[in-house]
Amino acid sequence: MEFVYRAFMIFLFGYLFLRFTGKKAISQMHSFDMLFILIIGNVISQPLQKDSVWQALLYTFMIVVFYKILMFISMNNKLRWILYESPTVLIRNGDIDRKGLRKVRLPMDELLAQLRVHGYTDTRNIALAAMEDNGQISVIPKSKYRAVQPGDLKIKVKKEFIPIPVIMDGQIIDHNLEYLQVDREWLLKRVKQKGTTVRDIILGTITDSGTLHIDTNNPHNEDKGPYSYKPGEDN
C-alpha cells in the first residue's frame, strides 16, 4: 500500500503543480519552460526511490513558485530576452539565410519539409520564415502568393458561428442546452424527427440557423460513387 500511496501522491501533486503553472508551460515549450519541466519531473520522482515524500513535494512547490515569479518578470519586454531567445530568420525575401540554418542546426531538407507543411514548395515565394524559441517555424509568404482574403475582393461575409455541441458520445450536454435556452424535451423531439436515439448519436450540434445536425453510429449512405469508397475489401 505504501507504493500505491507514493505513486498516487506524486501523480496528484504533479498534476496540480502543472495546472498551477498554466497552459503555457504545457503547450508552448520554450527552452526555459522545457528546463522547468525537466527539473520538476526529476524532483517529484525522488519519492519513488527515497522516503522523503513531503520534502520532495515541498521542493517541487518551491520550484513552481520560482517559475511563476520568473514568468511574471518575463512580461517585461526588457527582461524577456534574458529568458527567451529571439526568433532566428531562415528565409528573408525569398533568400535562404544559411547562417540562420547553421545557428539552429536545421538541414535544408527539413526546412523544405516544414515549408511544405505550411503549403509552400518554393522558397522564392516566402517573404519571411523564422524559427521561434519553441522550435516552431513561422512562415509569411509574399503578398502575391498568400491566400486571397474576402477583404481583397471587397466581399462582406457573415460572422463566424461555432456549432454548439448538445450531444456527445450518446450523452446530452445539459449546460449547453441551458446556454441555448432550450430544454431536453425540445432536443429529444428533434432527435426523434431525425429517426434515431440519443444513444446512437456520436455528435449532435446546433447550427447558426438553430437546427440540429447529428452524426450517428449507423450512417446510411446509399451513394455508390467515389465519395463512398472504402479501402480494402469492404466495397
Protein backbone atom coordinates (compact mmCIF):
# COMPACT_ATOMS: atom_id res chain seq x y z
CA MET A 1 0.00 0.00 0.00
CA GLU A 2 2.92 2.34 0.62
CA PHE A 3 3.95 2.13 -3.04
CA VAL A 4 0.38 2.87 -4.13
CA TYR A 5 0.25 5.82 -1.73
CA ARG A 6 3.52 7.27 -3.05
CA ALA A 7 2.56 6.87 -6.69
CA PHE A 8 -0.85 8.46 -6.10
CA MET A 9 0.57 11.42 -4.18
CA ILE A 10 3.26 12.07 -6.80
CA PHE A 11 0.76 11.92 -9.66
CA LEU A 12 -1.79 14.10 -7.85
CA PHE A 13 0.60 16.84 -6.78
CA GLY A 14 2.44 16.74 -10.11
CA TYR A 15 -0.85 17.32 -11.91
CA LEU A 16 -1.82 20.16 -9.55
CA PHE A 17 1.58 21.82 -9.92
CA LEU A 18 1.38 21.70 -13.73
CA ARG A 19 -2.15 23.12 -13.64
CA PHE A 20 -0.89 25.88 -11.35
CA THR A 21 1.88 26.86 -13.81
CA GLY A 22 -0.73 27.32 -16.54
CA LYS A 23 -1.43 26.03 -20.03
CA LYS A 24 1.58 27.83 -21.48
CA ALA A 25 4.04 25.61 -19.66
CA ILE A 26 2.41 22.53 -21.19
CA SER A 27 1.51 23.51 -24.74
CA GLN A 28 4.20 26.05 -25.69
CA MET A 29 7.52 24.54 -24.72
CA HIS A 30 10.17 27.25 -24.91
CA SER A 31 13.71 26.41 -23.79
CA PHE A 32 13.07 27.93 -20.37
CA ASP A 33 9.81 26.02 -19.99
CA MET A 34 11.49 22.76 -21.05
CA LEU A 35 14.13 23.21 -18.36
CA PHE A 36 11.40 23.74 -15.78
CA ILE A 37 9.60 20.54 -16.83
CA LEU A 38 12.83 18.51 -16.70
CA ILE A 39 13.71 19.79 -13.22
CA ILE A 40 10.25 19.36 -11.74
CA GLY A 41 9.98 15.88 -13.25
CA ASN A 42 13.26 14.83 -11.67
CA VAL A 43 12.47 16.33 -8.26
CA ILE A 44 8.95 14.99 -7.96
CA SER A 45 10.07 11.46 -8.89
CA GLN A 46 12.53 11.24 -5.99
CA PRO A 47 9.98 9.80 -3.51
CA LEU A 48 9.85 6.66 -5.66
CA GLN A 49 13.44 5.96 -4.59
CA LYS A 50 13.56 7.62 -1.16
CA ASP A 51 11.28 8.05 1.85
CA SER A 52 11.16 11.87 1.80
CA VAL A 53 7.79 12.25 0.09
CA TRP A 54 6.76 15.57 1.62
CA GLN A 55 10.25 17.01 1.36
CA ALA A 56 10.31 16.33 -2.38
CA LEU A 57 6.83 17.84 -2.77
CA LEU A 58 7.99 20.93 -0.85
CA TYR A 59 10.98 21.35 -3.17
CA THR A 60 8.66 20.93 -6.14
CA PHE A 61 6.34 23.63 -4.81
CA MET A 62 9.30 25.99 -4.33
CA ILE A 63 10.41 25.39 -7.93
CA VAL A 64 6.88 26.08 -9.19
CA VAL A 65 6.73 29.36 -7.25
CA PHE A 66 10.17 30.32 -8.58
CA TYR A 67 8.99 29.54 -12.11
CA LYS A 68 5.87 31.68 -11.68
CA ILE A 69 7.97 34.60 -10.43
CA LEU A 70 10.29 34.38 -13.43
CA MET A 71 7.33 34.16 -15.80
CA PHE A 72 5.90 37.30 -14.23
CA ILE A 73 9.25 39.05 -14.67
CA SER A 74 9.37 37.92 -18.31
CA MET A 75 6.26 40.02 -19.01
CA ASN A 76 8.64 42.99 -19.00
CA ASN A 77 9.94 43.27 -22.57
CA LYS A 78 13.38 44.41 -21.44
CA LEU A 79 13.86 41.31 -19.27
CA ARG A 80 12.06 38.87 -21.56
CA TRP A 81 15.05 38.45 -23.87
CA ILE A 82 17.12 37.19 -20.94
CA LEU A 83 14.86 34.15 -20.55
CA TYR A 84 13.87 33.60 -24.18
CA GLU A 85 15.83 33.56 -27.40
CA SER A 86 14.83 35.83 -30.25
CA PRO A 87 13.47 34.25 -33.46
CA THR A 88 16.09 33.06 -35.95
CA VAL A 89 15.50 34.13 -39.56
CA LEU A 90 15.75 31.23 -42.03
CA ILE A 91 14.39 32.87 -45.20
CA ARG A 92 14.19 36.58 -45.94
CA ASN A 93 12.57 37.92 -49.10
CA GLY A 94 12.96 34.59 -50.89
CA ASP A 95 16.67 34.19 -49.99
CA ILE A 96 17.77 31.40 -47.66
CA ASP A 97 19.77 32.60 -44.65
CA ARG A 98 22.50 29.97 -44.30
CA LYS A 99 23.80 31.50 -41.07
CA GLY A 100 20.36 31.09 -39.55
CA LEU A 101 20.18 27.45 -40.67
CA ARG A 102 23.59 26.73 -39.12
CA LYS A 103 22.62 28.50 -35.91
CA VAL A 104 19.52 26.34 -35.35
CA ARG A 105 21.23 23.25 -36.91
CA LEU A 106 18.39 22.76 -39.40
CA PRO A 107 19.17 20.72 -42.54
CA MET A 108 17.93 22.06 -45.86
CA ASP A 109 15.64 19.07 -46.50
CA GLU A 110 13.93 19.58 -43.14
CA LEU A 111 13.41 23.27 -43.90
CA LEU A 112 11.77 22.34 -47.20
CA ALA A 113 9.62 19.78 -45.38
CA GLN A 114 8.44 22.41 -42.90
CA LEU A 115 7.57 24.75 -45.75
CA ARG A 116 5.51 22.00 -47.40
CA VAL A 117 3.65 21.51 -44.14
CA HIS A 118 2.65 25.18 -44.37
CA GLY A 119 1.61 24.68 -48.00
CA TYR A 120 4.63 26.23 -49.79
CA THR A 121 7.03 24.44 -52.12
CA ASP A 122 9.20 27.27 -53.42
CA THR A 123 11.46 29.29 -51.11
CA ARG A 124 11.30 32.21 -53.56
CA ASN A 125 7.65 32.71 -52.61
CA ILE A 126 8.46 33.31 -48.92
CA ALA A 127 8.81 36.84 -47.55
CA LEU A 128 9.96 35.67 -44.11
CA ALA A 129 10.47 32.31 -42.41
CA ALA A 130 11.80 32.18 -38.86
CA MET A 131 12.27 29.58 -36.16
CA GLU A 132 10.65 30.66 -32.90
CA ASP A 133 12.03 29.91 -29.44
CA ASN A 134 9.64 26.96 -29.07
CA GLY A 135 11.09 25.26 -32.17
CA GLN A 136 8.17 26.01 -34.50
CA ILE A 137 8.76 27.66 -37.86
CA SER A 138 6.66 30.70 -38.76
CA VAL A 139 6.15 31.29 -42.47
CA ILE A 140 4.94 34.56 -44.03
CA PRO A 141 4.53 34.37 -47.83
CA LYS A 142 4.98 37.23 -50.21
CA SER A 143 1.80 39.21 -50.75
CA LYS A 144 1.11 37.86 -54.23
CA TYR A 145 1.42 34.25 -53.03
CA ARG A 146 -0.76 34.41 -49.93
CA ALA A 147 -4.32 33.15 -49.86
CA VAL A 148 -6.96 35.54 -51.15
CA GLN A 149 -8.99 37.11 -48.34
CA PRO A 150 -12.61 38.32 -48.57
CA GLY A 151 -11.33 41.84 -47.90
CA ASP A 152 -9.19 41.68 -51.04
CA LEU A 153 -12.33 41.13 -53.10
CA LYS A 154 -14.35 43.59 -51.00
CA ILE A 155 -16.81 40.84 -50.10
CA LYS A 156 -18.82 41.08 -46.89
CA VAL A 157 -19.03 37.78 -45.05
CA LYS A 158 -21.30 36.86 -42.19
CA LYS A 159 -19.98 36.44 -38.69
CA GLU A 160 -18.46 33.06 -37.98
CA PHE A 161 -20.66 30.80 -35.86
CA ILE A 162 -19.24 27.86 -33.95
CA PRO A 163 -21.73 24.93 -33.86
CA ILE A 164 -22.56 24.24 -30.24
CA PRO A 165 -22.47 20.53 -29.23
CA VAL A 166 -25.53 19.32 -27.33
CA ILE A 167 -24.90 15.57 -27.65
CA MET A 168 -21.52 13.86 -27.46
CA ASP A 169 -20.98 10.08 -27.45
CA GLY A 170 -24.63 9.41 -26.66
CA GLN A 171 -24.80 11.83 -23.73
CA ILE A 172 -26.72 15.10 -23.56
CA ILE A 173 -24.71 18.19 -22.59
CA ASP A 174 -27.11 19.97 -20.27
CA HIS A 175 -25.06 23.14 -19.68
CA ASN A 176 -25.01 23.84 -23.43
CA LEU A 177 -28.77 23.37 -23.58
CA GLU A 178 -29.06 25.88 -20.77
CA TYR A 179 -26.84 28.30 -22.68
CA LEU A 180 -29.07 27.93 -25.76
CA GLN A 181 -32.14 28.36 -23.55
CA VAL A 182 -33.74 25.09 -24.65
CA ASP A 183 -34.67 22.01 -22.67
CA ARG A 184 -34.28 18.26 -23.09
CA GLU A 185 -37.82 17.87 -24.35
CA TRP A 186 -37.05 20.19 -27.27
CA LEU A 187 -33.88 18.24 -28.05
CA LEU A 188 -35.47 14.79 -27.78
CA LYS A 189 -38.28 15.88 -30.10
CA ARG A 190 -35.79 16.84 -32.81
CA VAL A 191 -33.77 13.69 -32.30
CA LYS A 192 -36.94 11.68 -32.83
CA GLN A 193 -37.65 13.63 -36.02
CA LYS A 194 -34.23 12.51 -37.25
CA GLY A 195 -35.33 8.89 -36.78
CA THR A 196 -32.70 7.96 -34.23
CA THR A 197 -32.00 7.99 -30.48
CA VAL A 198 -29.59 9.93 -28.31
CA ARG A 199 -27.64 6.76 -27.58
CA ASP A 200 -26.78 6.30 -31.28
CA ILE A 201 -25.54 9.86 -31.80
CA ILE A 202 -21.78 10.42 -31.77
CA LEU A 203 -22.08 14.18 -32.12
CA GLY A 204 -25.09 16.47 -32.21
CA THR A 205 -24.66 20.20 -32.73
CA ILE A 206 -26.89 23.25 -33.05
CA THR A 207 -26.05 25.30 -36.15
CA ASP A 208 -26.39 29.05 -36.67
CA SER A 209 -29.89 28.52 -38.09
CA GLY A 210 -31.00 26.83 -34.86
CA THR A 211 -31.32 23.36 -36.42
CA LEU A 212 -29.91 20.13 -35.05
CA HIS A 213 -27.19 18.40 -37.04
CA ILE A 214 -26.26 14.87 -35.98
CA ASP A 215 -23.62 12.26 -36.76
CA THR A 216 -24.72 8.76 -35.77
CA ASN A 217 -23.05 5.41 -35.21
CA ASN A 218 -25.08 3.94 -38.08
CA PRO A 219 -24.72 6.19 -41.12
CA HIS A 220 -26.98 5.30 -44.01
CA ASN A 221 -25.17 6.20 -47.20
CA GLU A 222 -26.52 4.50 -50.29
CA ASP A 223 -24.30 6.51 -52.62
CA LYS A 224 -22.05 4.18 -54.59
CA GLY A 225 -19.98 6.97 -56.11
CA PRO A 226 -16.30 7.74 -55.44
CA TYR A 227 -17.09 9.53 -52.14
CA SER A 228 -18.35 6.26 -50.61
CA TYR A 229 -15.12 4.36 -51.37
CA LYS A 230 -13.67 2.32 -48.52
CA PRO A 231 -10.11 0.97 -48.56
CA GLY A 232 -9.59 -2.77 -48.54
CA GLU A 233 -12.16 -5.36 -49.44
CA ASP A 234 -15.19 -3.64 -47.86
CA ASN A 235 -16.55 -2.44 -51.23
